[in-house]
Amino acid sequence: MGERRFFFAAWPPTDVLSALRLRLAQFHQRDWPPAGRCELPQRWHLTLFYLGASDPTRLQKRLDDLWPGPFPITLGFDRIGAFRGGRVLWIGGQEAPSALTQWRRGWLAEDGVEASPFLPHVTLLRSPRPWSWEEKSIEPLYWTLQELTLVASSGGQYTVLRRWPMVS
């Protein structure tokens, strides 16, 4: 197994997974890049921010200290696009709600890191080679985040280490 890396993420509930599958089904495989690999739906998640190789005990303690308590966030996804020269196909959309952006910015500021722009998205497909992909509008999908998780990633496997509620 490789080095463990950490990130904060939200995992879609069953109804959102079903809606994501329906949106993805609107696009035929002929539209996808050669050698593109679909992410398995059980791996679909919204990364709030990547933490790299860190001490998980420190991360959990820090989140406990900075956690404002449940704060409901609803995201709207209304398009499919690509990052990294077309190597990553995602579903996402509307700008992140200000409460989430402010909390994220505050967390990163504690480490002296300036928060980069945040586009809420779920990665659906990865390609080893770039390909041309034009962003496409889709029927809007709304997702109210239920919880935030601290996740360890190693050797392509994800392990949820801790959960914090987003709703009361």
N, C-alpha and C. Protein backbone atom coordinates (compact mmCIF):
# COMPACT_ATOMS: atom_id res chain seq x y z
N MET A 1 0.84 -1.19 0.00
CA MET A 1 0.00 0.00 0.00
C MET A 1 0.87 1.24 0.00
N GLY A 2 0.39 2.32 -0.61
CA GLY A 2 1.13 3.57 -0.67
C GLY A 2 0.95 4.39 0.59
N GLU A 3 1.56 5.56 0.58
CA GLU A 3 1.45 6.48 1.69
C GLU A 3 0.00 6.96 1.85
N ARG A 4 -0.44 7.04 3.09
CA ARG A 4 -1.81 7.51 3.33
C ARG A 4 -1.87 9.02 3.16
N ARG A 5 -2.89 9.45 2.42
CA ARG A 5 -3.17 10.86 2.22
C ARG A 5 -4.60 11.09 2.70
N PHE A 6 -4.89 12.32 3.09
CA PHE A 6 -6.17 12.61 3.72
C PHE A 6 -6.90 13.72 2.99
N PHE A 7 -8.24 13.67 3.08
CA PHE A 7 -9.06 14.74 2.54
C PHE A 7 -10.38 14.77 3.29
N PHE A 8 -11.04 15.94 3.25
CA PHE A 8 -12.38 16.07 3.79
C PHE A 8 -13.35 15.94 2.64
N ALA A 9 -14.41 15.17 2.84
CA ALA A 9 -15.34 14.90 1.76
C ALA A 9 -16.75 14.71 2.29
N ALA A 10 -17.70 14.79 1.36
CA ALA A 10 -19.10 14.45 1.64
C ALA A 10 -19.47 13.35 0.65
N TRP A 11 -20.20 12.35 1.13
CA TRP A 11 -20.60 11.21 0.30
C TRP A 11 -22.09 11.35 0.01
N PRO A 12 -22.47 11.19 -1.26
CA PRO A 12 -23.89 11.37 -1.61
C PRO A 12 -24.77 10.25 -1.05
N PRO A 13 -25.96 10.62 -0.57
CA PRO A 13 -26.91 9.58 -0.14
C PRO A 13 -27.46 8.85 -1.37
N THR A 14 -28.18 7.78 -1.12
CA THR A 14 -28.68 6.91 -2.18
C THR A 14 -29.48 7.66 -3.24
N ASP A 15 -30.36 8.57 -2.84
CA ASP A 15 -31.17 9.28 -3.83
C ASP A 15 -30.32 10.17 -4.73
N VAL A 16 -29.26 10.76 -4.19
CA VAL A 16 -28.37 11.59 -5.00
C VAL A 16 -27.53 10.70 -5.92
N LEU A 17 -27.07 9.55 -5.43
CA LEU A 17 -26.34 8.61 -6.29
C LEU A 17 -27.20 8.21 -7.49
N SER A 18 -28.47 7.91 -7.23
CA SER A 18 -29.38 7.54 -8.32
C SER A 18 -29.53 8.67 -9.32
N ALA A 19 -29.67 9.89 -8.82
CA ALA A 19 -29.81 11.06 -9.70
C ALA A 19 -28.52 11.29 -10.50
N LEU A 20 -27.36 11.10 -9.88
CA LEU A 20 -26.09 11.24 -10.59
C LEU A 20 -25.99 10.20 -11.71
N ARG A 21 -26.39 8.97 -11.42
CA ARG A 21 -26.38 7.92 -12.45
C ARG A 21 -27.27 8.30 -13.63
N LEU A 22 -28.46 8.84 -13.34
CA LEU A 22 -29.37 9.24 -14.41
C LEU A 22 -28.75 10.35 -15.27
N ARG A 23 -28.11 11.33 -14.64
CA ARG A 23 -27.50 12.42 -15.39
C ARG A 23 -26.37 11.88 -16.27
N LEU A 24 -25.57 10.98 -15.71
CA LEU A 24 -24.46 10.41 -16.47
C LEU A 24 -24.97 9.58 -17.64
N ALA A 25 -26.08 8.89 -17.45
CA ALA A 25 -26.65 8.04 -18.51
C ALA A 25 -27.08 8.87 -19.72
N GLN A 26 -27.24 10.17 -19.55
CA GLN A 26 -27.62 11.03 -20.68
C GLN A 26 -26.51 11.13 -21.72
N PHE A 27 -25.30 10.75 -21.34
CA PHE A 27 -24.16 10.85 -22.23
C PHE A 27 -23.70 9.45 -22.60
N HIS A 28 -23.54 9.22 -23.87
CA HIS A 28 -23.15 7.90 -24.36
C HIS A 28 -21.65 7.73 -24.26
N GLN A 29 -21.23 6.48 -24.19
CA GLN A 29 -19.80 6.21 -24.10
C GLN A 29 -19.04 6.76 -25.30
N ARG A 30 -19.71 6.92 -26.42
CA ARG A 30 -19.01 7.47 -27.60
C ARG A 30 -18.53 8.90 -27.33
N ASP A 31 -19.16 9.58 -26.35
CA ASP A 31 -18.74 10.94 -26.00
C ASP A 31 -17.53 10.95 -25.06
N TRP A 32 -17.16 9.79 -24.54
CA TRP A 32 -16.09 9.71 -23.55
C TRP A 32 -14.75 9.51 -24.20
N PRO A 33 -13.70 9.81 -23.48
CA PRO A 33 -12.36 9.70 -24.06
C PRO A 33 -11.95 8.24 -24.26
N PRO A 34 -11.04 8.00 -25.21
CA PRO A 34 -10.51 6.65 -25.36
C PRO A 34 -9.79 6.26 -24.07
N ALA A 35 -9.96 5.06 -23.65
CA ALA A 35 -9.33 4.52 -22.44
C ALA A 35 -9.83 5.20 -21.16
N GLY A 36 -10.94 5.93 -21.26
CA GLY A 36 -11.51 6.54 -20.06
C GLY A 36 -12.03 5.48 -19.11
N ARG A 37 -11.89 5.72 -17.83
CA ARG A 37 -12.33 4.76 -16.81
C ARG A 37 -13.33 5.45 -15.89
N CYS A 38 -14.54 4.89 -15.84
CA CYS A 38 -15.56 5.44 -14.94
C CYS A 38 -15.20 5.13 -13.50
N GLU A 39 -15.38 6.11 -12.65
CA GLU A 39 -15.25 5.87 -11.22
C GLU A 39 -16.45 5.04 -10.78
N LEU A 40 -16.26 4.13 -9.87
CA LEU A 40 -17.37 3.34 -9.34
C LEU A 40 -18.26 4.25 -8.50
N PRO A 41 -19.57 4.10 -8.62
CA PRO A 41 -20.47 4.99 -7.85
C PRO A 41 -20.20 5.00 -6.35
N GLN A 42 -19.74 3.89 -5.77
CA GLN A 42 -19.46 3.90 -4.33
C GLN A 42 -18.25 4.76 -3.98
N ARG A 43 -17.50 5.18 -5.00
CA ARG A 43 -16.35 6.08 -4.77
C ARG A 43 -16.71 7.54 -5.04
N TRP A 44 -17.90 7.80 -5.58
CA TRP A 44 -18.30 9.17 -5.88
C TRP A 44 -18.41 9.97 -4.59
N HIS A 45 -17.76 11.10 -4.55
CA HIS A 45 -17.79 11.97 -3.37
C HIS A 45 -17.47 13.39 -3.79
N LEU A 46 -17.77 14.30 -2.91
CA LEU A 46 -17.43 15.71 -3.08
C LEU A 46 -16.24 15.99 -2.18
N THR A 47 -15.09 16.29 -2.77
CA THR A 47 -13.91 16.65 -1.96
C THR A 47 -14.02 18.12 -1.58
N LEU A 48 -14.04 18.38 -0.29
CA LEU A 48 -14.09 19.77 0.18
C LEU A 48 -12.70 20.38 0.16
N PHE A 49 -11.71 19.63 0.59
CA PHE A 49 -10.33 19.99 0.37
C PHE A 49 -9.41 18.85 0.73
N TYR A 50 -8.29 18.86 0.02
CA TYR A 50 -7.28 17.82 0.12
C TYR A 50 -6.27 18.24 1.18
N LEU A 51 -5.84 17.29 2.01
CA LEU A 51 -4.94 17.61 3.12
C LEU A 51 -3.56 16.98 2.98
N GLY A 52 -3.39 16.08 2.03
CA GLY A 52 -2.11 15.44 1.83
C GLY A 52 -1.75 14.48 2.95
N ALA A 53 -0.47 14.24 3.11
CA ALA A 53 0.03 13.35 4.16
C ALA A 53 0.08 14.14 5.46
N SER A 54 -0.76 13.78 6.41
CA SER A 54 -0.85 14.50 7.68
C SER A 54 -1.07 13.50 8.80
N ASP A 55 -1.08 13.98 10.01
CA ASP A 55 -1.38 13.16 11.17
C ASP A 55 -2.89 13.13 11.36
N PRO A 56 -3.56 11.96 11.20
CA PRO A 56 -5.01 11.92 11.27
C PRO A 56 -5.56 12.31 12.65
N THR A 57 -4.82 12.01 13.71
CA THR A 57 -5.28 12.39 15.06
C THR A 57 -5.32 13.91 15.17
N ARG A 58 -4.29 14.57 14.66
CA ARG A 58 -4.24 16.03 14.67
C ARG A 58 -5.38 16.62 13.84
N LEU A 59 -5.63 16.03 12.68
CA LEU A 59 -6.71 16.52 11.82
C LEU A 59 -8.06 16.41 12.51
N GLN A 60 -8.32 15.27 13.15
CA GLN A 60 -9.60 15.08 13.83
C GLN A 60 -9.75 16.07 14.98
N LYS A 61 -8.70 16.27 15.75
CA LYS A 61 -8.74 17.21 16.87
C LYS A 61 -8.97 18.62 16.36
N ARG A 62 -8.27 18.96 15.31
CA ARG A 62 -8.42 20.30 14.74
C ARG A 62 -9.83 20.54 14.23
N LEU A 63 -10.41 19.55 13.57
CA LEU A 63 -11.78 19.71 13.09
C LEU A 63 -12.74 19.82 14.27
N ASP A 64 -12.53 19.03 15.31
CA ASP A 64 -13.37 19.16 16.51
C ASP A 64 -13.32 20.58 17.05
N ASP A 65 -12.11 21.15 17.07
CA ASP A 65 -11.93 22.51 17.60
C ASP A 65 -12.57 23.57 16.71
N LEU A 66 -12.52 23.37 15.39
CA LEU A 66 -13.02 24.37 14.44
C LEU A 66 -14.46 24.12 13.99
N TRP A 67 -15.02 22.96 14.33
CA TRP A 67 -16.35 22.61 13.84
C TRP A 67 -17.41 23.54 14.43
N PRO A 68 -18.16 24.23 13.59
CA PRO A 68 -19.16 25.17 14.10
C PRO A 68 -20.46 24.47 14.52
N GLY A 69 -20.50 23.17 14.41
CA GLY A 69 -21.75 22.44 14.64
C GLY A 69 -22.43 22.26 13.30
N PRO A 70 -23.54 21.55 13.29
CA PRO A 70 -24.23 21.33 12.01
C PRO A 70 -24.57 22.65 11.32
N PHE A 71 -24.28 22.71 10.04
CA PHE A 71 -24.71 23.84 9.23
C PHE A 71 -25.15 23.28 7.88
N PRO A 72 -26.46 23.31 7.62
CA PRO A 72 -26.98 22.69 6.40
C PRO A 72 -26.51 23.44 5.15
N ILE A 73 -26.03 22.67 4.19
CA ILE A 73 -25.54 23.20 2.93
C ILE A 73 -26.22 22.43 1.81
N THR A 74 -26.80 23.15 0.87
CA THR A 74 -27.37 22.52 -0.32
C THR A 74 -26.59 22.99 -1.53
N LEU A 75 -26.14 22.03 -2.32
CA LEU A 75 -25.39 22.32 -3.53
C LEU A 75 -26.26 22.04 -4.74
N GLY A 76 -26.07 22.81 -5.80
CA GLY A 76 -26.76 22.58 -7.06
C GLY A 76 -25.77 22.19 -8.13
N PHE A 77 -26.02 21.06 -8.77
CA PHE A 77 -25.18 20.59 -9.87
C PHE A 77 -25.98 20.71 -11.15
N ASP A 78 -25.45 21.45 -12.12
CA ASP A 78 -26.21 21.70 -13.34
C ASP A 78 -25.39 21.57 -14.63
N ARG A 79 -24.20 20.97 -14.53
CA ARG A 79 -23.41 20.80 -15.74
C ARG A 79 -22.39 19.66 -15.56
N ILE A 80 -21.93 19.17 -16.70
CA ILE A 80 -20.84 18.20 -16.75
C ILE A 80 -19.70 18.88 -17.47
N GLY A 81 -18.52 18.80 -16.89
CA GLY A 81 -17.35 19.45 -17.46
C GLY A 81 -16.11 18.60 -17.27
N ALA A 82 -14.96 19.19 -17.56
CA ALA A 82 -13.69 18.46 -17.45
C ALA A 82 -12.60 19.37 -16.90
N PHE A 83 -11.67 18.75 -16.17
CA PHE A 83 -10.48 19.41 -15.65
C PHE A 83 -9.26 18.76 -16.30
N ARG A 84 -8.12 19.37 -16.05
CA ARG A 84 -6.82 18.80 -16.41
C ARG A 84 -6.74 18.41 -17.88
N GLY A 85 -7.12 19.32 -18.74
CA GLY A 85 -7.02 19.05 -20.17
C GLY A 85 -7.93 17.93 -20.62
N GLY A 86 -9.03 17.76 -19.93
CA GLY A 86 -9.99 16.73 -20.31
C GLY A 86 -9.72 15.38 -19.69
N ARG A 87 -8.81 15.29 -18.75
CA ARG A 87 -8.49 13.99 -18.13
C ARG A 87 -9.46 13.60 -17.02
N VAL A 88 -10.18 14.56 -16.47
CA VAL A 88 -11.12 14.30 -15.38
C VAL A 88 -12.49 14.86 -15.76
N LEU A 89 -13.46 13.98 -15.91
CA LEU A 89 -14.83 14.38 -16.22
C LEU A 89 -15.60 14.48 -14.90
N TRP A 90 -16.30 15.59 -14.71
CA TRP A 90 -17.00 15.83 -13.45
C TRP A 90 -18.43 16.29 -13.69
N ILE A 91 -19.24 16.14 -12.65
CA ILE A 91 -20.57 16.74 -12.61
C ILE A 91 -20.53 17.74 -11.47
N GLY A 92 -20.98 18.94 -11.74
CA GLY A 92 -20.91 19.97 -10.71
C GLY A 92 -21.74 21.15 -11.12
N GLY A 93 -21.34 22.30 -10.63
CA GLY A 93 -22.08 23.45 -11.08
C GLY A 93 -21.93 24.67 -10.24
N GLN A 94 -23.03 25.05 -9.71
CA GLN A 94 -23.15 26.36 -9.10
C GLN A 94 -22.05 26.62 -8.09
N GLU A 95 -21.78 27.87 -7.92
CA GLU A 95 -20.78 28.32 -6.95
C GLU A 95 -21.10 27.74 -5.58
N ALA A 96 -20.07 27.47 -4.82
CA ALA A 96 -20.25 26.92 -3.47
C ALA A 96 -20.98 27.93 -2.58
N PRO A 97 -21.90 27.46 -1.73
CA PRO A 97 -22.58 28.37 -0.81
C PRO A 97 -21.57 29.09 0.09
N SER A 98 -21.87 30.33 0.45
CA SER A 98 -20.91 31.15 1.20
C SER A 98 -20.54 30.53 2.55
N ALA A 99 -21.47 29.86 3.23
CA ALA A 99 -21.14 29.25 4.53
C ALA A 99 -20.06 28.19 4.37
N LEU A 100 -20.14 27.41 3.31
CA LEU A 100 -19.14 26.38 3.06
C LEU A 100 -17.81 27.01 2.64
N THR A 101 -17.86 28.01 1.79
CA THR A 101 -16.66 28.70 1.33
C THR A 101 -15.94 29.35 2.51
N GLN A 102 -16.69 29.99 3.40
CA GLN A 102 -16.08 30.66 4.56
C GLN A 102 -15.46 29.65 5.52
N TRP A 103 -16.15 28.55 5.78
CA TRP A 103 -15.61 27.53 6.69
C TRP A 103 -14.33 26.94 6.09
N ARG A 104 -14.37 26.63 4.80
CA ARG A 104 -13.20 26.07 4.10
C ARG A 104 -12.03 27.05 4.14
N ARG A 105 -12.32 28.32 3.86
CA ARG A 105 -11.27 29.36 3.87
C ARG A 105 -10.66 29.48 5.28
N GLY A 106 -11.50 29.43 6.32
CA GLY A 106 -11.02 29.52 7.69
C GLY A 106 -10.11 28.36 8.06
N TRP A 107 -10.49 27.16 7.64
CA TRP A 107 -9.68 25.98 7.93
C TRP A 107 -8.30 26.13 7.29
N LEU A 108 -8.28 26.49 6.01
CA LEU A 108 -7.01 26.60 5.29
C LEU A 108 -6.16 27.75 5.84
N ALA A 109 -6.80 28.85 6.25
CA ALA A 109 -6.06 29.99 6.79
C ALA A 109 -5.30 29.61 8.06
N GLU A 110 -5.87 28.68 8.84
CA GLU A 110 -5.19 28.21 10.05
C GLU A 110 -3.82 27.62 9.71
N ASP A 111 -3.70 27.06 8.51
CA ASP A 111 -2.42 26.49 8.06
C ASP A 111 -1.62 27.49 7.24
N GLY A 112 -2.11 28.73 7.11
CA GLY A 112 -1.41 29.73 6.34
C GLY A 112 -1.52 29.49 4.83
N VAL A 113 -2.58 28.76 4.42
CA VAL A 113 -2.78 28.46 3.01
C VAL A 113 -3.93 29.31 2.49
N GLU A 114 -3.71 29.95 1.35
CA GLU A 114 -4.79 30.73 0.74
C GLU A 114 -5.72 29.76 0.01
N ALA A 115 -7.01 29.88 0.28
CA ALA A 115 -7.98 28.98 -0.36
C ALA A 115 -8.07 29.25 -1.84
N SER A 116 -7.91 28.20 -2.63
CA SER A 116 -8.08 28.33 -4.08
C SER A 116 -9.57 28.37 -4.38
N PRO A 117 -9.95 28.84 -5.56
CA PRO A 117 -11.36 28.82 -5.92
C PRO A 117 -11.89 27.39 -5.82
N PHE A 118 -13.12 27.27 -5.39
CA PHE A 118 -13.71 25.96 -5.12
C PHE A 118 -14.92 25.75 -6.01
N LEU A 119 -14.85 24.75 -6.87
CA LEU A 119 -15.99 24.36 -7.70
C LEU A 119 -16.50 23.03 -7.16
N PRO A 120 -17.65 23.02 -6.49
CA PRO A 120 -18.19 21.75 -6.00
C PRO A 120 -18.45 20.81 -7.18
N HIS A 121 -17.90 19.60 -7.08
CA HIS A 121 -18.05 18.63 -8.17
C HIS A 121 -17.81 17.21 -7.66
N VAL A 122 -18.29 16.26 -8.44
CA VAL A 122 -18.06 14.84 -8.20
C VAL A 122 -17.37 14.30 -9.44
N THR A 123 -16.21 13.65 -9.27
CA THR A 123 -15.49 13.07 -10.40
C THR A 123 -16.19 11.79 -10.84
N LEU A 124 -16.49 11.72 -12.15
CA LEU A 124 -17.20 10.57 -12.71
C LEU A 124 -16.31 9.66 -13.53
N LEU A 125 -15.30 10.23 -14.19
CA LEU A 125 -14.49 9.46 -15.13
C LEU A 125 -13.09 10.04 -15.17
N ARG A 126 -12.11 9.17 -15.34
CA ARG A 126 -10.71 9.61 -15.49
C ARG A 126 -10.16 9.02 -16.78
N SER A 127 -9.28 9.78 -17.42
CA SER A 127 -8.66 9.33 -18.65
C SER A 127 -7.14 9.50 -18.54
N PRO A 128 -6.39 8.55 -19.06
CA PRO A 128 -4.92 8.70 -19.02
C PRO A 128 -4.42 9.74 -20.02
N ARG A 129 -5.26 10.08 -21.00
CA ARG A 129 -4.85 11.05 -22.02
C ARG A 129 -5.85 12.19 -22.09
N PRO A 130 -5.37 13.38 -22.47
CA PRO A 130 -6.30 14.51 -22.64
C PRO A 130 -7.27 14.25 -23.79
N TRP A 131 -8.42 14.84 -23.70
CA TRP A 131 -9.36 14.80 -24.82
C TRP A 131 -10.20 16.04 -24.75
N SER A 132 -10.81 16.35 -25.87
CA SER A 132 -11.60 17.57 -25.98
C SER A 132 -13.00 17.32 -25.43
N TRP A 133 -13.38 18.12 -24.46
CA TRP A 133 -14.70 17.98 -23.86
C TRP A 133 -15.28 19.37 -23.68
N GLU A 134 -16.44 19.59 -24.23
CA GLU A 134 -17.12 20.87 -24.06
C GLU A 134 -18.11 20.72 -22.92
N GLU A 135 -18.07 21.67 -21.99
CA GLU A 135 -18.99 21.64 -20.84
C GLU A 135 -20.43 21.59 -21.34
N LYS A 136 -21.25 20.77 -20.67
CA LYS A 136 -22.63 20.59 -21.10
C LYS A 136 -23.58 20.84 -19.92
N SER A 137 -24.69 21.50 -20.21
CA SER A 137 -25.72 21.70 -19.19
C SER A 137 -26.51 20.42 -19.00
N ILE A 138 -26.94 20.19 -17.77
CA ILE A 138 -27.78 19.04 -17.46
C ILE A 138 -28.96 19.51 -16.62
N GLU A 139 -29.95 18.64 -16.47
CA GLU A 139 -31.06 18.95 -15.59
C GLU A 139 -30.50 19.14 -14.17
N PRO A 140 -30.83 20.24 -13.50
CA PRO A 140 -30.25 20.49 -12.18
C PRO A 140 -30.55 19.39 -11.17
N LEU A 141 -29.58 19.18 -10.32
CA LEU A 141 -29.64 18.19 -9.25
C LEU A 141 -29.24 18.92 -7.97
N TYR A 142 -30.01 18.75 -6.91
CA TYR A 142 -29.71 19.42 -5.64
C TYR A 142 -29.39 18.38 -4.59
N TRP A 143 -28.36 18.70 -3.80
CA TRP A 143 -27.86 17.77 -2.79
C TRP A 143 -27.62 18.54 -1.50
N THR A 144 -28.35 18.17 -0.45
CA THR A 144 -28.11 18.74 0.87
C THR A 144 -27.13 17.82 1.58
N LEU A 145 -25.96 18.35 1.91
CA LEU A 145 -24.93 17.55 2.56
C LEU A 145 -25.40 17.08 3.92
N GLN A 146 -25.26 15.80 4.18
CA GLN A 146 -25.70 15.21 5.44
C GLN A 146 -24.60 15.17 6.49
N GLU A 147 -23.36 14.96 6.02
CA GLU A 147 -22.23 14.87 6.94
C GLU A 147 -20.95 15.18 6.22
N LEU A 148 -19.95 15.53 6.99
CA LEU A 148 -18.60 15.74 6.50
C LEU A 148 -17.78 14.57 7.02
N THR A 149 -16.85 14.06 6.20
CA THR A 149 -16.02 12.94 6.63
C THR A 149 -14.54 13.26 6.43
N LEU A 150 -13.74 12.71 7.32
CA LEU A 150 -12.29 12.71 7.14
C LEU A 150 -11.96 11.36 6.53
N VAL A 151 -11.28 11.39 5.38
CA VAL A 151 -11.03 10.18 4.60
C VAL A 151 -9.53 9.98 4.42
N ALA A 152 -9.10 8.72 4.58
CA ALA A 152 -7.73 8.33 4.25
C ALA A 152 -7.76 7.63 2.90
N SER A 153 -6.79 7.97 2.06
CA SER A 153 -6.66 7.34 0.75
C SER A 153 -5.29 6.69 0.68
N SER A 154 -5.27 5.40 0.31
CA SER A 154 -4.01 4.69 0.19
C SER A 154 -4.19 3.56 -0.82
N GLY A 155 -3.31 3.50 -1.79
CA GLY A 155 -3.38 2.43 -2.77
C GLY A 155 -4.70 2.37 -3.51
N GLY A 156 -5.33 3.53 -3.73
CA GLY A 156 -6.59 3.57 -4.45
C GLY A 156 -7.81 3.21 -3.60
N GLN A 157 -7.62 2.97 -2.31
CA GLN A 157 -8.72 2.63 -1.41
C GLN A 157 -9.03 3.82 -0.51
N TYR A 158 -10.31 4.03 -0.24
CA TYR A 158 -10.74 5.10 0.66
C TYR A 158 -11.24 4.48 1.96
N THR A 159 -10.86 5.10 3.07
CA THR A 159 -11.35 4.68 4.38
C THR A 159 -11.85 5.91 5.12
N VAL A 160 -13.12 5.90 5.51
CA VAL A 160 -13.68 7.02 6.29
C VAL A 160 -13.22 6.83 7.73
N LEU A 161 -12.51 7.83 8.26
CA LEU A 161 -11.98 7.76 9.62
C LEU A 161 -12.92 8.38 10.65
N ARG A 162 -13.68 9.38 10.23
CA ARG A 162 -14.53 10.09 11.19
C ARG A 162 -15.63 10.81 10.43
N ARG A 163 -16.76 11.00 11.08
CA ARG A 163 -17.91 11.70 10.49
C ARG A 163 -18.38 12.82 11.42
N TRP A 164 -18.78 13.94 10.81
CA TRP A 164 -19.35 15.06 11.54
C TRP A 164 -20.68 15.41 10.88
N PRO A 165 -21.75 15.58 11.64
CA PRO A 165 -23.06 15.87 11.03
C PRO A 165 -23.14 17.29 10.47
N MET A 166 -23.78 17.40 9.31
CA MET A 166 -24.04 18.70 8.68
C MET A 166 -25.45 19.17 8.97
N VAL A 167 -26.33 18.26 9.36
CA VAL A 167 -27.70 18.60 9.68
C VAL A 167 -28.03 18.10 11.08
N SER A 168 -28.96 18.77 11.75
CA SER A 168 -29.32 18.36 13.12
C SER A 168 -30.24 17.18 13.08
